[in-house]
């Protein structure tokens, strides 16, 4: 983990998951459809948003006269309204490999549901001295499962220490592992949360009563 910065930004995979579920339900021709927008008329796939507008123009003579800036303004306002929700925190984390930037991930943290767990994560993420995530490694990758990190002692995966020292209890299991990108606390059994965390690659309902999830990608 290279650095952090607390920021009012939303990034999630809900829409992609929704589209994938639709592709699974409908199958057929949309399996290979890559666009993030799918338009249907009477159950038949028309195509993406541009295809739909061409269909509407041919069928009804409809022309969208509004400029792209209009839709950008609508989108910005929607994001702003969502991100002003005081019940959630949004943070980003930069990752590197061999000192080369790999990219940035953004998390939505559910402080309204698991405030103590979120506070521990944020304190370790934001700290510049002492116990901190900065400079730590992601030491474990389970194919189709999860990636795990947060050993702030030596990065081996053998250590997990809360910001206040030692371990802390399971706060609750209210956040379910319904989708990929769920972030939660790794543990060694009940009430043994420290600094290690994981990010899922797929839904993992078997984790729901074993690990405390506290946010999503």
N, C-alpha and C. Protein backbone atom coordinates (compact mmCIF):
# COMPACT_ATOMS: atom_id res chain seq x y z
N UNK A 1 0.86 -1.17 0.00
CA UNK A 1 0.00 0.00 0.00
C UNK A 1 0.90 1.23 0.00
N UNK A 2 0.79 2.05 -1.02
CA UNK A 2 1.70 3.18 -1.16
C UNK A 2 1.24 4.37 -0.33
N UNK A 3 -0.01 4.76 -0.50
CA UNK A 3 -0.50 5.92 0.22
C UNK A 3 -2.02 5.88 0.27
N UNK A 4 -2.57 6.75 1.03
CA UNK A 4 -4.02 6.83 1.15
C UNK A 4 -4.43 8.27 1.03
N UNK A 5 -5.68 8.47 0.78
CA UNK A 5 -6.24 9.82 0.87
C UNK A 5 -7.74 9.69 1.01
N UNK A 6 -8.29 10.27 2.05
CA UNK A 6 -9.73 10.21 2.28
C UNK A 6 -10.40 11.15 1.29
N UNK A 7 -11.41 10.62 0.59
CA UNK A 7 -11.97 11.39 -0.52
C UNK A 7 -13.43 11.05 -0.70
N UNK A 8 -14.22 12.04 -1.10
CA UNK A 8 -15.64 11.84 -1.35
C UNK A 8 -15.86 11.34 -2.78
N UNK A 9 -15.64 10.04 -2.99
CA UNK A 9 -15.80 9.46 -4.31
C UNK A 9 -16.50 8.14 -4.17
N UNK A 10 -17.38 7.83 -5.12
CA UNK A 10 -18.04 6.54 -5.08
C UNK A 10 -17.54 5.69 -6.24
N UNK A 11 -17.19 4.43 -5.97
CA UNK A 11 -16.84 3.48 -7.02
C UNK A 11 -17.30 2.12 -6.54
N UNK A 12 -18.21 1.49 -7.25
CA UNK A 12 -18.65 0.17 -6.83
C UNK A 12 -18.92 -0.69 -8.04
N UNK A 13 -19.22 -1.94 -7.81
CA UNK A 13 -19.40 -2.91 -8.89
C UNK A 13 -20.85 -3.32 -9.03
N UNK A 14 -21.77 -2.60 -8.39
CA UNK A 14 -23.17 -3.01 -8.40
C UNK A 14 -23.74 -3.08 -9.80
N UNK A 15 -23.46 -2.08 -10.63
CA UNK A 15 -24.03 -2.07 -11.97
C UNK A 15 -23.48 -3.22 -12.81
N UNK A 16 -22.18 -3.45 -12.70
CA UNK A 16 -21.58 -4.56 -13.45
C UNK A 16 -22.17 -5.89 -13.00
N UNK A 17 -22.37 -6.04 -11.69
CA UNK A 17 -22.97 -7.27 -11.18
C UNK A 17 -24.39 -7.43 -11.71
N UNK A 18 -25.13 -6.33 -11.77
CA UNK A 18 -26.50 -6.36 -12.28
C UNK A 18 -26.52 -6.82 -13.73
N UNK A 19 -25.61 -6.26 -14.55
CA UNK A 19 -25.55 -6.65 -15.95
C UNK A 19 -25.17 -8.12 -16.11
N UNK A 20 -24.23 -8.58 -15.29
CA UNK A 20 -23.83 -9.98 -15.38
C UNK A 20 -24.97 -10.92 -15.00
N UNK A 21 -25.76 -10.51 -14.00
CA UNK A 21 -26.91 -11.32 -13.62
C UNK A 21 -27.93 -11.38 -14.76
N UNK A 22 -28.13 -10.25 -15.43
CA UNK A 22 -29.05 -10.22 -16.57
C UNK A 22 -28.55 -11.11 -17.70
N UNK A 23 -27.25 -11.08 -17.94
CA UNK A 23 -26.68 -11.93 -18.98
C UNK A 23 -26.88 -13.40 -18.64
N UNK A 24 -26.74 -13.73 -17.35
CA UNK A 24 -26.95 -15.11 -16.93
C UNK A 24 -28.40 -15.52 -17.11
N UNK A 25 -29.31 -14.61 -16.79
CA UNK A 25 -30.74 -14.91 -16.92
C UNK A 25 -31.17 -15.06 -18.37
N UNK A 26 -30.69 -14.15 -19.22
CA UNK A 26 -31.17 -14.10 -20.59
C UNK A 26 -30.36 -15.00 -21.53
N UNK A 27 -29.08 -15.09 -21.27
CA UNK A 27 -28.16 -15.89 -22.07
C UNK A 27 -28.19 -15.46 -23.54
N UNK A 28 -28.09 -16.43 -24.44
CA UNK A 28 -28.19 -16.13 -25.86
C UNK A 28 -27.19 -15.09 -26.33
N UNK A 29 -27.68 -14.16 -27.12
CA UNK A 29 -26.81 -13.22 -27.83
C UNK A 29 -26.10 -12.23 -26.93
N UNK A 30 -26.56 -12.03 -25.71
CA UNK A 30 -25.93 -10.99 -24.89
C UNK A 30 -24.71 -11.50 -24.11
N UNK A 31 -24.39 -12.79 -24.21
CA UNK A 31 -23.21 -13.29 -23.51
C UNK A 31 -21.96 -12.51 -23.90
N UNK A 32 -21.83 -12.18 -25.18
CA UNK A 32 -20.64 -11.47 -25.64
C UNK A 32 -20.79 -9.98 -25.68
N UNK A 33 -21.86 -9.45 -25.13
CA UNK A 33 -22.12 -8.01 -25.15
C UNK A 33 -21.26 -7.34 -24.08
N UNK A 34 -20.37 -6.45 -24.50
CA UNK A 34 -19.38 -5.89 -23.59
C UNK A 34 -19.73 -4.51 -23.04
N UNK A 35 -20.66 -3.81 -23.67
CA UNK A 35 -20.96 -2.44 -23.26
C UNK A 35 -21.64 -2.41 -21.90
N UNK A 36 -21.44 -1.30 -21.18
CA UNK A 36 -22.05 -1.14 -19.87
C UNK A 36 -23.50 -0.70 -19.90
N UNK A 37 -24.07 -0.54 -21.10
CA UNK A 37 -25.47 -0.19 -21.26
C UNK A 37 -26.12 -1.19 -22.21
N UNK A 38 -27.25 -1.74 -21.81
CA UNK A 38 -28.00 -2.65 -22.67
C UNK A 38 -29.43 -2.15 -22.78
N UNK A 39 -29.89 -1.95 -24.02
CA UNK A 39 -31.25 -1.46 -24.25
C UNK A 39 -32.09 -2.58 -24.87
N UNK A 40 -33.30 -2.77 -24.32
CA UNK A 40 -34.22 -3.79 -24.81
C UNK A 40 -35.53 -3.14 -25.21
N UNK A 41 -36.15 -3.67 -26.24
CA UNK A 41 -37.49 -3.26 -26.66
C UNK A 41 -38.32 -4.53 -26.82
N UNK A 42 -39.38 -4.62 -26.01
CA UNK A 42 -40.23 -5.82 -26.02
C UNK A 42 -39.41 -7.10 -25.84
N UNK A 43 -38.42 -7.01 -24.95
CA UNK A 43 -37.63 -8.18 -24.64
C UNK A 43 -36.51 -8.48 -25.61
N UNK A 44 -36.39 -7.71 -26.67
CA UNK A 44 -35.35 -7.94 -27.67
C UNK A 44 -34.21 -6.94 -27.47
N UNK A 45 -33.00 -7.42 -27.55
CA UNK A 45 -31.84 -6.56 -27.39
C UNK A 45 -31.68 -5.64 -28.60
N UNK A 46 -31.68 -4.32 -28.33
CA UNK A 46 -31.46 -3.34 -29.39
C UNK A 46 -29.98 -3.03 -29.52
N UNK A 47 -29.29 -2.97 -28.39
CA UNK A 47 -27.86 -2.66 -28.39
C UNK A 47 -27.51 -1.74 -27.25
N UNK A 48 -26.52 -0.91 -27.45
CA UNK A 48 -26.13 0.02 -26.39
C UNK A 48 -26.96 1.31 -26.47
N UNK A 49 -26.55 2.34 -25.73
CA UNK A 49 -27.33 3.56 -25.70
C UNK A 49 -27.43 4.24 -27.05
N UNK A 50 -26.33 4.24 -27.81
CA UNK A 50 -26.35 4.85 -29.14
C UNK A 50 -27.27 4.08 -30.08
N UNK A 51 -27.23 2.76 -29.98
CA UNK A 51 -28.11 1.94 -30.82
C UNK A 51 -29.58 2.24 -30.51
N UNK A 52 -29.87 2.43 -29.23
CA UNK A 52 -31.25 2.72 -28.83
C UNK A 52 -31.72 4.06 -29.40
N UNK A 53 -30.84 5.07 -29.36
CA UNK A 53 -31.23 6.37 -29.89
C UNK A 53 -31.45 6.32 -31.40
N UNK A 54 -30.64 5.51 -32.10
CA UNK A 54 -30.86 5.35 -33.54
C UNK A 54 -32.19 4.65 -33.81
N UNK A 55 -32.51 3.65 -32.96
CA UNK A 55 -33.79 2.95 -33.09
C UNK A 55 -34.95 3.92 -32.85
N UNK A 56 -34.83 4.77 -31.83
CA UNK A 56 -35.89 5.72 -31.50
C UNK A 56 -36.07 6.76 -32.61
N UNK A 57 -34.97 7.16 -33.23
CA UNK A 57 -35.07 8.13 -34.33
C UNK A 57 -35.77 7.51 -35.53
N UNK A 58 -35.42 6.24 -35.83
CA UNK A 58 -36.04 5.56 -36.97
C UNK A 58 -37.52 5.28 -36.72
N UNK A 59 -37.81 4.85 -35.49
CA UNK A 59 -39.18 4.45 -35.17
C UNK A 59 -40.10 5.63 -34.94
N UNK A 60 -39.62 6.64 -34.23
CA UNK A 60 -40.49 7.74 -33.81
C UNK A 60 -40.01 9.11 -34.25
N UNK A 61 -38.87 9.16 -34.92
CA UNK A 61 -38.33 10.45 -35.29
C UNK A 61 -37.75 11.22 -34.13
N UNK A 62 -37.44 10.52 -33.03
CA UNK A 62 -36.93 11.17 -31.81
C UNK A 62 -35.47 11.57 -31.98
N UNK A 63 -35.17 12.79 -31.63
CA UNK A 63 -33.80 13.29 -31.65
C UNK A 63 -33.50 13.88 -30.28
N UNK A 64 -32.44 13.41 -29.68
CA UNK A 64 -32.04 13.94 -28.37
C UNK A 64 -31.26 15.23 -28.60
N UNK A 65 -31.88 16.35 -28.27
CA UNK A 65 -31.27 17.65 -28.54
C UNK A 65 -30.41 18.14 -27.39
N UNK A 66 -30.45 17.42 -26.26
CA UNK A 66 -29.71 17.90 -25.10
C UNK A 66 -28.22 17.58 -25.24
N UNK A 67 -27.35 18.52 -24.90
CA UNK A 67 -25.90 18.32 -25.06
C UNK A 67 -25.35 17.37 -24.00
N UNK A 68 -24.19 16.76 -24.26
CA UNK A 68 -23.56 15.87 -23.26
C UNK A 68 -23.37 16.54 -21.90
N UNK A 69 -23.14 17.85 -21.90
CA UNK A 69 -22.93 18.56 -20.63
C UNK A 69 -24.15 18.45 -19.72
N UNK A 70 -25.33 18.33 -20.31
CA UNK A 70 -26.56 18.19 -19.52
C UNK A 70 -26.52 16.89 -18.72
N UNK A 71 -26.14 15.82 -19.37
CA UNK A 71 -26.08 14.53 -18.70
C UNK A 71 -24.93 14.47 -17.70
N UNK A 72 -23.83 15.14 -18.04
CA UNK A 72 -22.72 15.20 -17.10
C UNK A 72 -23.13 15.94 -15.82
N UNK A 73 -23.93 16.98 -15.97
CA UNK A 73 -24.40 17.73 -14.80
C UNK A 73 -25.32 16.87 -13.94
N UNK A 74 -26.19 16.10 -14.59
CA UNK A 74 -27.07 15.19 -13.85
C UNK A 74 -26.26 14.15 -13.08
N UNK A 75 -25.25 13.61 -13.74
CA UNK A 75 -24.41 12.60 -13.10
C UNK A 75 -23.65 13.18 -11.91
N UNK A 76 -23.09 14.37 -12.11
CA UNK A 76 -22.33 15.01 -11.04
C UNK A 76 -23.21 15.27 -9.82
N UNK A 77 -24.45 15.72 -10.06
CA UNK A 77 -25.35 16.00 -8.96
C UNK A 77 -25.73 14.72 -8.23
N UNK A 78 -25.93 13.63 -8.99
CA UNK A 78 -26.26 12.35 -8.36
C UNK A 78 -25.12 11.86 -7.49
N UNK A 79 -23.88 11.96 -7.99
CA UNK A 79 -22.72 11.56 -7.21
C UNK A 79 -22.60 12.43 -5.96
N UNK A 80 -22.77 13.72 -6.13
CA UNK A 80 -22.64 14.64 -5.00
C UNK A 80 -23.65 14.32 -3.91
N UNK A 81 -24.88 14.05 -4.30
CA UNK A 81 -25.92 13.73 -3.32
C UNK A 81 -25.59 12.45 -2.57
N UNK A 82 -25.09 11.47 -3.29
CA UNK A 82 -24.74 10.19 -2.66
C UNK A 82 -23.57 10.35 -1.69
N UNK A 83 -22.57 11.08 -2.12
CA UNK A 83 -21.35 11.19 -1.33
C UNK A 83 -21.46 12.13 -0.14
N UNK A 84 -22.54 12.89 -0.11
CA UNK A 84 -22.75 13.77 1.04
C UNK A 84 -23.43 13.03 2.19
N UNK A 85 -23.70 11.76 2.01
CA UNK A 85 -24.28 10.94 3.06
C UNK A 85 -23.29 10.84 4.22
N UNK A 86 -23.60 11.41 5.38
CA UNK A 86 -22.64 11.42 6.49
C UNK A 86 -22.45 10.06 7.15
N UNK A 87 -23.25 9.08 6.74
CA UNK A 87 -23.18 7.76 7.38
C UNK A 87 -22.05 6.90 6.81
N UNK A 88 -21.45 7.33 5.71
CA UNK A 88 -20.42 6.53 5.06
C UNK A 88 -19.13 7.32 4.90
N UNK A 89 -18.01 6.58 4.86
CA UNK A 89 -16.71 7.17 4.54
C UNK A 89 -16.24 6.59 3.21
N UNK A 90 -15.50 7.39 2.45
CA UNK A 90 -14.94 6.95 1.18
C UNK A 90 -13.44 7.21 1.20
N UNK A 91 -12.65 6.20 0.90
CA UNK A 91 -11.19 6.34 0.91
C UNK A 91 -10.62 5.67 -0.33
N UNK A 92 -9.45 6.14 -0.75
CA UNK A 92 -8.77 5.40 -1.80
C UNK A 92 -7.40 4.95 -1.33
N UNK A 93 -6.92 3.87 -1.93
CA UNK A 93 -5.63 3.29 -1.59
C UNK A 93 -4.86 3.05 -2.88
N UNK A 94 -3.60 3.46 -2.92
CA UNK A 94 -2.74 3.22 -4.06
C UNK A 94 -1.86 2.00 -3.80
N UNK A 95 -1.77 1.12 -4.79
CA UNK A 95 -0.95 -0.08 -4.69
C UNK A 95 0.22 -0.02 -5.66
N UNK A 96 1.33 -0.63 -5.25
CA UNK A 96 2.50 -0.71 -6.13
C UNK A 96 3.03 -2.15 -6.13
N UNK A 97 3.80 -2.49 -7.17
CA UNK A 97 4.50 -3.78 -7.25
C UNK A 97 5.91 -3.49 -7.72
N UNK A 98 6.90 -3.86 -6.90
CA UNK A 98 8.30 -3.53 -7.21
C UNK A 98 8.46 -2.04 -7.48
N UNK A 99 7.77 -1.25 -6.68
CA UNK A 99 7.82 0.21 -6.74
C UNK A 99 7.15 0.80 -7.98
N UNK A 100 6.49 -0.05 -8.76
CA UNK A 100 5.76 0.43 -9.93
C UNK A 100 4.27 0.56 -9.57
N UNK A 101 3.65 1.70 -9.88
CA UNK A 101 2.23 1.86 -9.57
C UNK A 101 1.38 0.81 -10.26
N UNK A 102 0.46 0.22 -9.51
CA UNK A 102 -0.47 -0.76 -10.07
C UNK A 102 -1.86 -0.18 -10.26
N UNK A 103 -2.16 0.88 -9.52
CA UNK A 103 -3.48 1.48 -9.65
C UNK A 103 -4.06 1.85 -8.30
N UNK A 104 -5.24 2.38 -8.36
CA UNK A 104 -5.92 2.90 -7.17
C UNK A 104 -7.26 2.20 -7.00
N UNK A 105 -7.58 1.82 -5.77
CA UNK A 105 -8.89 1.26 -5.46
C UNK A 105 -9.58 2.18 -4.47
N UNK A 106 -10.88 2.27 -4.59
CA UNK A 106 -11.68 3.16 -3.74
C UNK A 106 -12.66 2.32 -2.95
N UNK A 107 -12.72 2.56 -1.66
CA UNK A 107 -13.60 1.81 -0.77
C UNK A 107 -14.70 2.70 -0.19
N UNK A 108 -15.88 2.15 -0.09
CA UNK A 108 -16.96 2.75 0.69
C UNK A 108 -17.02 2.00 2.00
N UNK A 109 -16.90 2.71 3.10
CA UNK A 109 -16.82 2.10 4.43
C UNK A 109 -18.11 2.36 5.20
N UNK A 110 -18.69 1.30 5.78
CA UNK A 110 -20.01 1.38 6.41
C UNK A 110 -19.90 1.73 7.89
N UNK A 111 -19.54 2.97 8.16
CA UNK A 111 -19.37 3.36 9.55
C UNK A 111 -20.70 3.44 10.30
N UNK A 112 -21.81 3.47 9.55
CA UNK A 112 -23.12 3.48 10.20
C UNK A 112 -23.51 2.10 10.72
N UNK A 113 -22.84 1.06 10.23
CA UNK A 113 -23.17 -0.32 10.61
C UNK A 113 -22.12 -0.91 11.55
N UNK A 114 -20.85 -0.69 11.22
CA UNK A 114 -19.75 -1.23 12.03
C UNK A 114 -18.74 -0.10 12.33
N UNK A 115 -19.12 0.88 13.14
CA UNK A 115 -18.28 2.06 13.36
C UNK A 115 -16.92 1.77 13.96
N UNK A 116 -16.84 0.84 14.91
CA UNK A 116 -15.57 0.55 15.56
C UNK A 116 -14.58 -0.12 14.60
N UNK A 117 -15.10 -1.03 13.79
CA UNK A 117 -14.26 -1.72 12.81
C UNK A 117 -13.75 -0.75 11.76
N UNK A 118 -14.62 0.13 11.30
CA UNK A 118 -14.21 1.14 10.32
C UNK A 118 -13.17 2.08 10.92
N UNK A 119 -13.36 2.48 12.16
CA UNK A 119 -12.41 3.40 12.80
C UNK A 119 -11.03 2.77 12.90
N UNK A 120 -10.95 1.49 13.25
CA UNK A 120 -9.66 0.81 13.33
C UNK A 120 -8.98 0.82 11.97
N UNK A 121 -9.74 0.50 10.91
CA UNK A 121 -9.18 0.48 9.56
C UNK A 121 -8.71 1.87 9.14
N UNK A 122 -9.54 2.88 9.38
CA UNK A 122 -9.18 4.25 9.00
C UNK A 122 -7.97 4.76 9.76
N UNK A 123 -7.90 4.46 11.04
CA UNK A 123 -6.76 4.91 11.85
C UNK A 123 -5.45 4.33 11.32
N UNK A 124 -5.48 3.04 10.95
CA UNK A 124 -4.28 2.42 10.40
C UNK A 124 -3.97 2.96 9.01
N UNK A 125 -5.02 3.27 8.26
CA UNK A 125 -4.84 3.77 6.90
C UNK A 125 -4.31 5.20 6.90
N UNK A 126 -4.79 5.99 7.83
CA UNK A 126 -4.46 7.42 7.85
C UNK A 126 -3.18 7.73 8.62
N UNK A 127 -2.72 6.80 9.41
CA UNK A 127 -1.58 7.07 10.28
C UNK A 127 -0.30 7.29 9.46
N UNK A 128 0.48 8.27 9.87
CA UNK A 128 1.76 8.52 9.23
C UNK A 128 2.93 8.07 10.11
N UNK A 129 2.65 7.80 11.37
CA UNK A 129 3.67 7.34 12.30
C UNK A 129 3.14 6.13 13.05
N UNK A 130 4.06 5.32 13.58
CA UNK A 130 3.65 4.17 14.37
C UNK A 130 2.96 3.11 13.53
N UNK A 131 1.87 2.57 14.04
CA UNK A 131 1.15 1.53 13.34
C UNK A 131 0.42 2.11 12.13
N UNK A 132 0.68 1.53 10.97
CA UNK A 132 0.08 2.08 9.76
C UNK A 132 0.12 1.04 8.64
N UNK A 133 -0.80 1.19 7.70
CA UNK A 133 -0.84 0.31 6.53
C UNK A 133 0.19 0.72 5.48
N UNK A 134 0.54 1.98 5.42
CA UNK A 134 1.48 2.45 4.41
C UNK A 134 2.76 1.64 4.46
N UNK A 135 3.16 1.10 3.30
CA UNK A 135 4.36 0.29 3.23
C UNK A 135 4.15 -1.19 3.50
N UNK A 136 2.95 -1.58 3.91
CA UNK A 136 2.68 -3.00 4.16
C UNK A 136 2.38 -3.71 2.84
N UNK A 137 2.23 -5.01 2.88
CA UNK A 137 2.07 -5.81 1.67
C UNK A 137 0.76 -6.58 1.67
N UNK A 138 0.36 -6.99 0.47
CA UNK A 138 -0.73 -7.95 0.31
C UNK A 138 -0.06 -9.31 0.18
N UNK A 139 -0.13 -10.10 1.22
CA UNK A 139 0.71 -11.30 1.31
C UNK A 139 0.04 -12.58 0.82
N UNK A 140 -1.26 -12.53 0.55
CA UNK A 140 -1.97 -13.75 0.19
C UNK A 140 -3.00 -13.49 -0.90
N UNK A 141 -3.00 -14.34 -1.92
CA UNK A 141 -4.00 -14.28 -2.98
C UNK A 141 -4.60 -15.68 -3.15
N UNK A 142 -5.90 -15.77 -3.00
CA UNK A 142 -6.62 -17.03 -3.19
C UNK A 142 -7.41 -16.90 -4.49
N UNK A 143 -7.08 -17.70 -5.48
CA UNK A 143 -7.72 -17.61 -6.79
C UNK A 143 -9.24 -17.77 -6.66
N UNK A 144 -9.96 -16.83 -7.26
CA UNK A 144 -11.43 -16.81 -7.20
C UNK A 144 -11.95 -16.66 -5.77
N UNK A 145 -11.08 -16.29 -4.85
CA UNK A 145 -11.48 -16.15 -3.45
C UNK A 145 -11.31 -14.73 -2.94
N UNK A 146 -10.08 -14.39 -2.57
CA UNK A 146 -9.83 -13.07 -2.01
C UNK A 146 -8.34 -12.75 -2.04
N UNK A 147 -8.02 -11.48 -1.83
CA UNK A 147 -6.66 -11.04 -1.61
C UNK A 147 -6.59 -10.53 -0.18
N UNK A 148 -5.47 -10.77 0.49
CA UNK A 148 -5.38 -10.48 1.92
C UNK A 148 -4.09 -9.73 2.22
N UNK A 149 -4.19 -8.77 3.12
CA UNK A 149 -3.03 -8.00 3.54
C UNK A 149 -3.25 -7.40 4.90
N UNK A 150 -2.37 -6.47 5.27
CA UNK A 150 -2.55 -5.77 6.54
C UNK A 150 -1.66 -6.22 7.67
N UNK A 151 -0.67 -7.11 7.39
CA UNK A 151 0.30 -7.43 8.44
C UNK A 151 1.25 -6.25 8.54
N UNK A 152 1.03 -5.41 9.55
CA UNK A 152 1.80 -4.17 9.67
C UNK A 152 3.11 -4.36 10.44
N UNK A 153 3.39 -5.63 10.82
CA UNK A 153 4.64 -5.90 11.56
C UNK A 153 5.78 -6.22 10.60
N UNK A 154 5.61 -7.29 9.80
CA UNK A 154 6.67 -7.64 8.85
C UNK A 154 6.16 -8.11 7.49
N UNK A 155 4.84 -8.07 7.30
CA UNK A 155 4.29 -8.42 6.00
C UNK A 155 4.21 -9.89 5.69
N UNK A 156 4.53 -10.73 6.64
CA UNK A 156 4.56 -12.18 6.39
C UNK A 156 3.18 -12.81 6.42
N UNK A 157 2.23 -12.13 7.05
CA UNK A 157 0.90 -12.69 7.23
C UNK A 157 0.70 -13.38 8.56
N UNK A 158 1.75 -13.40 9.37
CA UNK A 158 1.67 -14.06 10.67
C UNK A 158 1.22 -13.12 11.78
N UNK A 159 1.12 -11.84 11.48
CA UNK A 159 0.83 -10.86 12.52
C UNK A 159 -0.41 -10.04 12.17
N UNK A 160 -1.14 -9.68 13.20
CA UNK A 160 -2.33 -8.84 13.01
C UNK A 160 -2.60 -8.10 14.32
N UNK A 161 -2.40 -6.80 14.30
CA UNK A 161 -2.50 -6.02 15.53
C UNK A 161 -3.35 -4.78 15.31
N UNK A 162 -4.33 -4.60 16.16
CA UNK A 162 -5.22 -3.44 16.06
C UNK A 162 -4.46 -2.16 16.38
N UNK A 163 -5.02 -1.04 15.97
CA UNK A 163 -4.35 0.23 16.18
C UNK A 163 -4.17 0.52 17.66
N UNK A 164 -5.09 0.04 18.49
CA UNK A 164 -5.00 0.25 19.93
C UNK A 164 -4.18 -0.83 20.63
N UNK A 165 -3.67 -1.79 19.84
CA UNK A 165 -2.90 -2.88 20.40
C UNK A 165 -3.74 -4.14 20.58
N UNK A 166 -3.12 -5.29 20.40
CA UNK A 166 -3.83 -6.55 20.57
C UNK A 166 -4.91 -6.78 19.53
N UNK A 167 -5.98 -7.42 19.95
CA UNK A 167 -7.10 -7.74 19.07
C UNK A 167 -8.38 -7.10 19.59
N UNK A 168 -9.40 -7.04 18.74
CA UNK A 168 -10.68 -6.53 19.19
C UNK A 168 -11.80 -7.46 18.73
N UNK A 169 -12.95 -7.34 19.38
CA UNK A 169 -14.05 -8.28 19.20
C UNK A 169 -14.77 -8.09 17.87
N UNK A 170 -15.45 -9.15 17.45
CA UNK A 170 -16.33 -9.06 16.29
C UNK A 170 -17.47 -8.10 16.62
N UNK A 171 -17.59 -7.03 15.86
CA UNK A 171 -18.60 -6.01 16.16
C UNK A 171 -20.00 -6.51 15.84
N UNK A 172 -20.19 -7.02 14.65
CA UNK A 172 -21.43 -7.67 14.23
C UNK A 172 -21.20 -8.28 12.85
N UNK A 173 -22.18 -9.04 12.38
CA UNK A 173 -22.07 -9.66 11.05
C UNK A 173 -23.19 -9.16 10.14
N UNK A 174 -23.51 -7.88 10.29
CA UNK A 174 -24.64 -7.31 9.56
C UNK A 174 -24.35 -7.13 8.07
N UNK A 175 -23.08 -6.91 7.72
CA UNK A 175 -22.72 -6.73 6.31
C UNK A 175 -22.42 -8.09 5.70
N UNK A 176 -23.18 -8.46 4.68
CA UNK A 176 -23.02 -9.76 4.06
C UNK A 176 -22.03 -9.70 2.89
N UNK A 177 -21.49 -10.85 2.56
CA UNK A 177 -20.53 -10.96 1.45
C UNK A 177 -21.29 -11.33 0.18
N UNK A 178 -22.07 -10.38 -0.31
CA UNK A 178 -22.96 -10.66 -1.42
C UNK A 178 -22.32 -10.49 -2.78
N UNK A 179 -21.18 -9.82 -2.85
CA UNK A 179 -20.60 -9.49 -4.15
C UNK A 179 -19.08 -9.41 -4.03
N UNK A 180 -18.45 -9.44 -5.19
CA UNK A 180 -17.00 -9.25 -5.19
C UNK A 180 -16.70 -7.81 -4.79
N UNK A 181 -15.53 -7.63 -4.21
CA UNK A 181 -15.16 -6.29 -3.76
C UNK A 181 -15.54 -6.00 -2.33
N UNK A 182 -16.07 -7.00 -1.61
CA UNK A 182 -16.38 -6.81 -0.19
C UNK A 182 -15.07 -6.78 0.60
N UNK A 183 -14.93 -5.83 1.50
CA UNK A 183 -13.73 -5.74 2.35
C UNK A 183 -14.12 -6.08 3.77
N UNK A 184 -13.31 -6.90 4.43
CA UNK A 184 -13.61 -7.32 5.79
C UNK A 184 -12.34 -7.63 6.57
N UNK A 185 -12.52 -7.95 7.84
CA UNK A 185 -11.40 -8.23 8.73
C UNK A 185 -11.05 -9.72 8.73
N UNK A 186 -9.79 -10.02 8.41
CA UNK A 186 -9.30 -11.40 8.55
C UNK A 186 -9.07 -11.69 10.02
N UNK A 187 -9.26 -12.94 10.43
CA UNK A 187 -9.08 -13.26 11.85
C UNK A 187 -8.55 -14.67 12.04
N UNK A 188 -8.28 -15.01 13.28
CA UNK A 188 -7.82 -16.35 13.66
C UNK A 188 -8.89 -17.09 14.44
N UNK A 189 -10.12 -16.65 14.31
CA UNK A 189 -11.22 -17.22 15.08
C UNK A 189 -12.06 -16.10 15.65
N UNK A 190 -13.07 -16.43 16.43
CA UNK A 190 -13.96 -15.40 16.99
C UNK A 190 -13.20 -14.35 17.79
N UNK A 191 -13.57 -13.09 17.60
CA UNK A 191 -13.07 -11.96 18.39
C UNK A 191 -11.54 -11.84 18.35
N UNK A 192 -10.97 -12.00 17.15
CA UNK A 192 -9.51 -11.90 17.02
C UNK A 192 -9.13 -10.97 15.87
N UNK A 193 -9.87 -9.87 15.74
CA UNK A 193 -9.58 -8.89 14.69
C UNK A 193 -8.40 -8.01 15.07
N UNK A 194 -7.58 -7.71 14.08
CA UNK A 194 -6.42 -6.86 14.34
C UNK A 194 -6.25 -5.84 13.24
N UNK A 195 -5.27 -6.09 12.37
CA UNK A 195 -5.01 -5.18 11.25
C UNK A 195 -5.23 -5.85 9.89
N UNK A 196 -5.21 -7.17 9.85
CA UNK A 196 -5.32 -7.84 8.55
C UNK A 196 -6.75 -7.74 8.00
N UNK A 197 -6.82 -7.56 6.69
CA UNK A 197 -8.10 -7.44 6.01
C UNK A 197 -8.05 -8.19 4.69
N UNK A 198 -9.20 -8.39 4.08
CA UNK A 198 -9.28 -9.09 2.80
C UNK A 198 -10.24 -8.33 1.89
N UNK A 199 -10.11 -8.58 0.60
CA UNK A 199 -11.02 -8.06 -0.42
C UNK A 199 -11.44 -9.25 -1.27
N UNK A 200 -12.74 -9.51 -1.36
CA UNK A 200 -13.20 -10.70 -2.07
C UNK A 200 -13.18 -10.50 -3.58
N UNK A 201 -12.97 -11.62 -4.29
CA UNK A 201 -13.04 -11.64 -5.75
C UNK A 201 -14.40 -12.11 -6.26
N UNK A 202 -15.23 -12.61 -5.36
CA UNK A 202 -16.52 -13.18 -5.74
C UNK A 202 -17.42 -13.19 -4.51
N UNK A 203 -18.74 -13.35 -4.70
CA UNK A 203 -19.61 -13.50 -3.53
C UNK A 203 -19.12 -14.65 -2.65
N UNK A 204 -19.20 -14.47 -1.34
CA UNK A 204 -18.70 -15.48 -0.40
C UNK A 204 -19.63 -15.59 0.80
N UNK A 205 -20.84 -16.10 0.61
CA UNK A 205 -21.80 -16.16 1.72
C UNK A 205 -21.33 -17.00 2.90
N UNK A 206 -20.41 -17.94 2.67
CA UNK A 206 -19.91 -18.76 3.77
C UNK A 206 -19.12 -17.93 4.79
N UNK A 207 -18.70 -16.73 4.39
CA UNK A 207 -17.97 -15.86 5.30
C UNK A 207 -18.87 -15.06 6.24
N UNK A 208 -20.16 -15.05 5.97
CA UNK A 208 -21.06 -14.10 6.63
C UNK A 208 -21.07 -14.17 8.16
N UNK A 209 -20.89 -15.33 8.73
CA UNK A 209 -20.92 -15.45 10.19
C UNK A 209 -19.55 -15.77 10.77
N UNK A 210 -18.54 -15.63 9.93
CA UNK A 210 -17.18 -15.91 10.40
C UNK A 210 -16.29 -14.68 10.42
N UNK A 211 -16.56 -13.75 9.49
CA UNK A 211 -15.71 -12.57 9.35
C UNK A 211 -16.55 -11.30 9.28
N UNK A 212 -16.05 -10.25 9.89
CA UNK A 212 -16.78 -8.97 9.93
C UNK A 212 -16.44 -8.16 8.69
N UNK A 213 -17.39 -8.04 7.79
CA UNK A 213 -17.24 -7.18 6.62
C UNK A 213 -17.61 -5.75 7.01
N UNK A 214 -16.95 -4.77 6.40
CA UNK A 214 -17.21 -3.39 6.81
C UNK A 214 -17.23 -2.40 5.65
N UNK A 215 -17.22 -2.89 4.41
CA UNK A 215 -17.26 -1.98 3.28
C UNK A 215 -17.22 -2.72 1.96
N UNK A 216 -17.07 -1.96 0.88
CA UNK A 216 -17.01 -2.57 -0.45
C UNK A 216 -16.15 -1.72 -1.36
N UNK A 217 -15.66 -2.36 -2.38
CA UNK A 217 -14.86 -1.70 -3.41
C UNK A 217 -15.75 -0.84 -4.29
